[in-house]
Amino acid sequence: MATPVISASSSILGFRRNEAFEFQPAATNTPTSWAAVGLPTGVSISSSTGKISGSAATAGVYVVTVSATNAAPATGTREFVIGIASEAAATVASADVSCEWDFDVVTRELSVLASADSSASTAGVVASLAHWKKDDIFLLRLRFRKNGVVVDPDPTALTLTLKELDPDPSIALSAAFERSVATGESAYFDLLVDLSGASVQAALSNYEEDAGTTFLANVEIQMEAEITFASATETIRFSSRTAKVSLDKDQVE
């Protein structure tokens, strides 16, 4: 009997700490037992069905290895990223933890949807796409547009990079992305953004003498996709122009 192949989304996003959820992976070749390594505390996997369920006790980003074994015995594995946000993120952290952006594939500009709350430009001040705080863990919804119309690319990788200054190493990277099942004008991608790392705190420490401990950070979206040309498959890379987000020290310690 062939090795089980686990087929499901590679990311499980949008759940909060202490919120009950269930996720059912699937596999070919008739697995009879399941196991997982790296699950959040409070979450477990059924050894007979593979269902992952529970309520995560701690917010964070978890890389979980799930294995499925059949009667052969043969074992197949797959990694899943589980993103658990703080239960208070939507009210305590900032109003922009559920922000939506557009990525214009012609101009490569990032912009906030008209319904979202973005900072206005004033003389000598660069507008901010969002107001984020240290320790935010949230989903950024991204739509791609061409000449004002939503397009639906098929990326193999989609990453948000946050830097203090353009030449500097990143202080935060998005951990995973998930494509919507919607198509056409409703198509979008959710990126899991985690600002709880030590690099974010270190960058903010450079501004501790400033009121509010805040600065305008540089943000960029990178996309990779595979194209076939002359019977050969190539990986192309496409980046947005650098934009700005306001990054603050979390006022709730």
Protein backbone atom coordinates (compact mmCIF):
# COMPACT_ATOMS: atom_id res chain seq x y z
CA MET A 1 0.00 0.00 0.00
CA ALA A 2 1.30 3.46 -0.90
CA THR A 3 2.26 6.11 1.65
CA PRO A 4 -0.60 8.37 2.82
CA VAL A 5 -0.55 11.85 1.28
CA ILE A 6 -2.09 14.50 3.53
CA SER A 7 -4.02 17.04 1.50
CA ALA A 8 -5.43 20.15 3.14
CA SER A 9 -4.74 23.84 3.64
CA SER A 10 -1.19 24.41 4.90
CA SER A 11 -2.38 27.09 7.33
CA ILE A 12 -5.10 27.37 9.97
CA LEU A 13 -5.73 31.05 10.62
CA GLY A 14 -8.24 33.34 12.27
CA PHE A 15 -8.75 31.73 15.69
CA ARG A 16 -8.18 33.42 19.04
CA ARG A 17 -6.82 32.29 22.38
CA ASN A 18 -9.41 30.29 24.38
CA GLU A 19 -11.68 30.03 21.31
CA ALA A 20 -12.77 26.46 20.50
CA PHE A 21 -12.09 25.26 16.96
CA GLU A 22 -11.93 22.08 14.89
CA PHE A 23 -9.88 21.24 11.81
CA GLN A 24 -10.12 17.98 9.85
CA PRO A 25 -7.13 17.07 7.63
CA ALA A 26 -7.62 14.46 4.92
CA ALA A 27 -5.24 11.86 3.47
CA THR A 28 -5.15 9.30 0.68
CA ASN A 29 -4.32 5.58 1.02
CA THR A 30 -6.51 4.81 4.03
CA PRO A 31 -4.68 5.98 7.15
CA THR A 32 -5.56 4.09 10.31
CA SER A 33 -3.80 6.31 12.84
CA TRP A 34 -2.80 9.96 13.19
CA ALA A 35 -0.36 11.96 15.31
CA ALA A 36 0.85 15.55 15.59
CA VAL A 37 3.91 17.31 17.02
CA GLY A 38 3.94 21.00 18.00
CA LEU A 39 0.26 21.63 18.75
CA PRO A 40 -0.60 24.56 21.05
CA THR A 41 -1.36 23.71 24.67
CA GLY A 42 -5.06 22.92 24.92
CA VAL A 43 -5.29 21.51 21.38
CA SER A 44 -5.06 17.80 20.53
CA ILE A 45 -5.42 15.42 17.60
CA SER A 46 -7.64 12.33 17.46
CA SER A 47 -5.41 9.32 16.84
CA SER A 48 -8.21 7.55 14.96
CA THR A 49 -9.72 10.33 12.81
CA GLY A 50 -6.99 12.98 12.65
CA LYS A 51 -9.36 15.74 13.76
CA ILE A 52 -7.51 18.60 15.48
CA SER A 53 -9.60 20.38 18.09
CA GLY A 54 -9.48 22.29 21.36
CA SER A 55 -8.90 25.80 22.68
CA ALA A 56 -5.36 27.16 22.52
CA ALA A 57 -4.16 28.50 25.86
CA THR A 58 -1.50 30.82 24.42
CA ALA A 59 -1.51 33.15 21.40
CA GLY A 60 1.24 32.61 18.88
CA VAL A 61 2.28 31.00 15.61
CA TYR A 62 2.72 27.22 15.75
CA VAL A 63 4.34 25.03 13.10
CA VAL A 64 2.75 21.60 13.54
CA THR A 65 3.84 18.34 11.90
CA VAL A 66 0.90 16.00 11.29
CA SER A 67 1.50 12.34 10.40
CA ALA A 68 -0.88 9.73 8.98
CA THR A 69 -0.05 5.99 9.07
CA ASN A 70 -1.83 3.16 7.25
CA ALA A 71 -1.81 -0.64 7.61
CA ALA A 72 1.27 -1.17 5.41
CA PRO A 73 2.58 0.41 7.63
CA ALA A 74 3.57 3.59 5.75
CA THR A 75 3.58 7.10 7.17
CA GLY A 76 3.11 10.44 5.41
CA THR A 77 3.65 13.84 7.04
CA ARG A 78 2.74 17.45 6.37
CA GLU A 79 3.41 20.73 8.16
CA PHE A 80 0.58 23.07 9.11
CA VAL A 81 0.86 26.61 10.47
CA ILE A 82 -1.66 27.38 13.20
CA GLY A 83 -2.08 31.08 13.99
CA ILE A 84 -3.74 31.92 17.32
CA ALA A 85 -4.43 35.61 17.98
CA SER A 86 -4.88 37.27 21.36
CA GLU A 87 -8.50 37.14 22.48
CA ALA A 88 -8.34 40.89 23.15
CA ALA A 89 -6.53 41.87 19.96
CA ALA A 90 -9.50 43.51 18.25
CA THR A 91 -10.11 45.98 21.08
CA VAL A 92 -6.87 46.32 23.04
CA ALA A 93 -4.17 46.33 20.39
CA SER A 94 -5.42 48.67 17.65
CA ALA A 95 -8.27 49.32 15.28
CA ASP A 96 -6.21 48.11 12.33
CA VAL A 97 -5.81 44.45 13.32
CA SER A 98 -8.35 43.59 10.64
CA CYS A 99 -7.13 45.94 7.92
CA GLU A 100 -7.61 45.32 4.19
CA TRP A 101 -5.15 46.44 1.53
CA ASP A 102 -5.04 46.58 -2.24
CA PHE A 103 -1.92 45.67 -4.24
CA ASP A 104 -1.94 47.33 -7.68
CA VAL A 105 0.03 44.97 -9.93
CA VAL A 106 0.62 47.73 -12.50
CA THR A 107 1.94 50.51 -10.25
CA ARG A 108 3.01 48.10 -7.45
CA GLU A 109 1.46 50.51 -4.94
CA LEU A 110 -0.14 49.36 -1.69
CA SER A 111 -3.26 51.20 -0.56
CA VAL A 112 -6.00 50.87 2.06
CA LEU A 113 -9.55 50.11 0.95
CA ALA A 114 -11.78 53.19 1.04
CA SER A 115 -13.81 51.71 3.93
CA ALA A 116 -10.74 51.29 6.13
CA ASP A 117 -9.31 53.92 8.46
CA SER A 118 -5.98 55.20 7.15
CA SER A 119 -3.88 58.17 8.18
CA ALA A 120 -4.18 61.26 6.00
CA SER A 121 -1.13 62.86 4.37
CA THR A 122 -0.09 66.26 5.63
CA ALA A 123 2.74 68.51 4.48
CA GLY A 124 6.07 66.82 5.13
CA VAL A 125 4.47 63.70 6.63
CA VAL A 126 4.29 60.31 4.92
CA ALA A 127 0.85 58.74 5.19
CA SER A 128 0.58 55.52 7.16
CA LEU A 129 -1.35 52.55 5.78
CA ALA A 130 -2.12 51.26 9.27
CA HIS A 131 -1.48 51.79 12.97
CA TRP A 132 0.01 48.63 14.48
CA LYS A 133 1.35 47.87 17.95
CA LYS A 134 3.91 45.55 19.45
CA ASP A 135 2.45 42.12 20.27
CA ASP A 136 -0.35 42.38 17.70
CA ILE A 137 -1.09 39.04 16.00
CA PHE A 138 -3.66 39.46 13.27
CA LEU A 139 -4.79 38.79 9.71
CA LEU A 140 -4.10 41.25 6.90
CA ARG A 141 -6.53 40.84 4.00
CA LEU A 142 -4.90 41.57 0.64
CA ARG A 143 -6.49 41.97 -2.80
CA PHE A 144 -4.62 42.24 -6.08
CA ARG A 145 -5.94 44.74 -8.63
CA LYS A 146 -5.10 45.57 -12.23
CA ASN A 147 -6.59 48.74 -13.72
CA GLY A 148 -9.02 48.85 -10.81
CA VAL A 149 -10.29 45.28 -11.27
CA VAL A 150 -9.58 42.48 -8.77
CA VAL A 151 -7.31 39.78 -10.22
CA ASP A 152 -6.69 36.35 -8.72
CA PRO A 153 -3.02 35.28 -8.96
CA ASP A 154 -1.78 31.85 -7.92
CA PRO A 155 1.24 32.53 -5.67
CA THR A 156 3.47 29.80 -4.29
CA ALA A 157 4.69 32.29 -1.66
CA LEU A 158 3.23 35.53 -0.32
CA THR A 159 5.07 37.45 2.39
CA LEU A 160 4.84 40.74 4.23
CA THR A 161 8.17 42.18 5.35
CA LEU A 162 8.45 44.93 7.96
CA LYS A 163 11.69 46.93 8.39
CA GLU A 164 12.77 49.87 10.47
CA LEU A 165 14.68 51.32 7.51
CA ASP A 166 14.82 50.06 3.92
CA PRO A 167 18.37 48.62 3.97
CA ASP A 168 17.92 47.00 7.39
CA PRO A 169 17.11 43.35 8.11
CA SER A 170 13.43 42.63 8.65
CA ILE A 171 11.96 43.13 12.12
CA ALA A 172 8.86 41.06 11.27
CA LEU A 173 7.71 38.66 8.56
CA SER A 174 4.23 37.32 7.92
CA ALA A 175 4.11 33.69 9.02
CA ALA A 176 1.62 32.18 6.57
CA PHE A 177 -0.97 33.02 3.96
CA GLU A 178 -4.32 31.54 3.00
CA ARG A 179 -6.26 31.99 -0.23
CA SER A 180 -9.99 32.63 -0.11
CA VAL A 181 -12.40 30.25 -1.80
CA ALA A 182 -14.05 33.29 -3.39
CA THR A 183 -13.33 34.23 -7.00
CA GLY A 184 -13.62 37.32 -9.16
CA GLU A 185 -14.19 40.64 -7.37
CA SER A 186 -14.37 38.84 -4.01
CA ALA A 187 -11.01 37.04 -4.27
CA TYR A 188 -8.51 37.83 -1.52
CA PHE A 189 -5.58 36.47 0.51
CA ASP A 190 -5.19 36.50 4.30
CA LEU A 191 -1.67 36.96 5.68
CA LEU A 192 -0.90 36.13 9.31
CA VAL A 193 1.19 38.95 10.79
CA ASP A 194 2.97 38.47 14.13
CA LEU A 195 4.50 41.54 15.80
CA SER A 196 5.37 39.82 19.07
CA GLY A 197 9.03 39.10 18.29
CA ALA A 198 12.12 40.51 20.00
CA SER A 199 13.14 42.32 16.80
CA VAL A 200 10.05 44.53 16.97
CA GLN A 201 10.82 45.40 20.61
CA ALA A 202 14.45 46.16 19.71
CA ALA A 203 13.40 48.51 16.91
CA LEU A 204 10.94 50.33 19.18
CA SER A 205 13.66 50.77 21.81
CA ASN A 206 15.39 53.18 19.43
CA TYR A 207 12.47 55.59 19.90
CA GLU A 208 11.91 55.39 23.66
CA GLU A 209 12.63 59.09 24.09
CA ASP A 210 9.80 59.93 21.68
CA ALA A 211 6.25 60.49 22.85
CA GLY A 212 4.31 57.27 22.56
CA THR A 213 7.38 55.25 21.49
CA THR A 214 6.33 55.12 17.86
CA PHE A 215 7.87 55.30 14.40
CA LEU A 216 6.95 54.85 10.75
CA ALA A 217 8.15 51.41 9.66
CA ASN A 218 8.67 50.30 6.07
CA VAL A 219 6.38 47.55 4.79
CA GLU A 220 6.56 45.57 1.56
CA ILE A 221 4.66 42.63 0.05
CA GLN A 222 6.58 39.98 -1.93
CA MET A 223 4.94 37.36 -4.12
CA GLU A 224 6.39 34.32 -5.88
CA ALA A 225 4.63 32.33 -8.60
CA GLU A 226 5.54 29.67 -11.13
CA ILE A 227 5.04 30.21 -14.85
CA THR A 228 5.61 27.87 -17.78
CA PHE A 229 7.40 29.33 -20.80
CA ALA A 230 8.81 27.35 -23.71
CA SER A 231 8.05 24.10 -21.85
CA ALA A 232 10.14 25.20 -18.85
CA THR A 233 8.79 26.16 -15.42
CA GLU A 234 10.30 29.27 -13.90
CA THR A 235 9.76 31.04 -10.57
CA ILE A 236 9.03 34.75 -10.83
CA ARG A 237 9.25 37.21 -7.94
CA PHE A 238 7.18 40.37 -7.68
CA SER A 239 7.36 43.02 -4.94
CA SER A 240 5.25 46.01 -4.02
CA ARG A 241 6.71 49.45 -3.57
CA THR A 242 7.68 50.25 0.00
CA ALA A 243 4.86 51.76 2.06
CA LYS A 244 4.63 52.96 5.67
CA VAL A 245 2.85 51.72 8.78
CA SER A 246 2.86 53.39 12.18
CA LEU A 247 4.35 51.03 14.78
CA ASP A 248 3.79 51.67 18.49
CA LYS A 249 4.85 50.15 21.76
CA ASP A 250 1.84 48.24 23.15
CA GLN A 251 0.25 50.35 25.87
CA VAL A 252 -1.23 47.27 27.57
CA GLU A 253 1.61 45.29 29.16
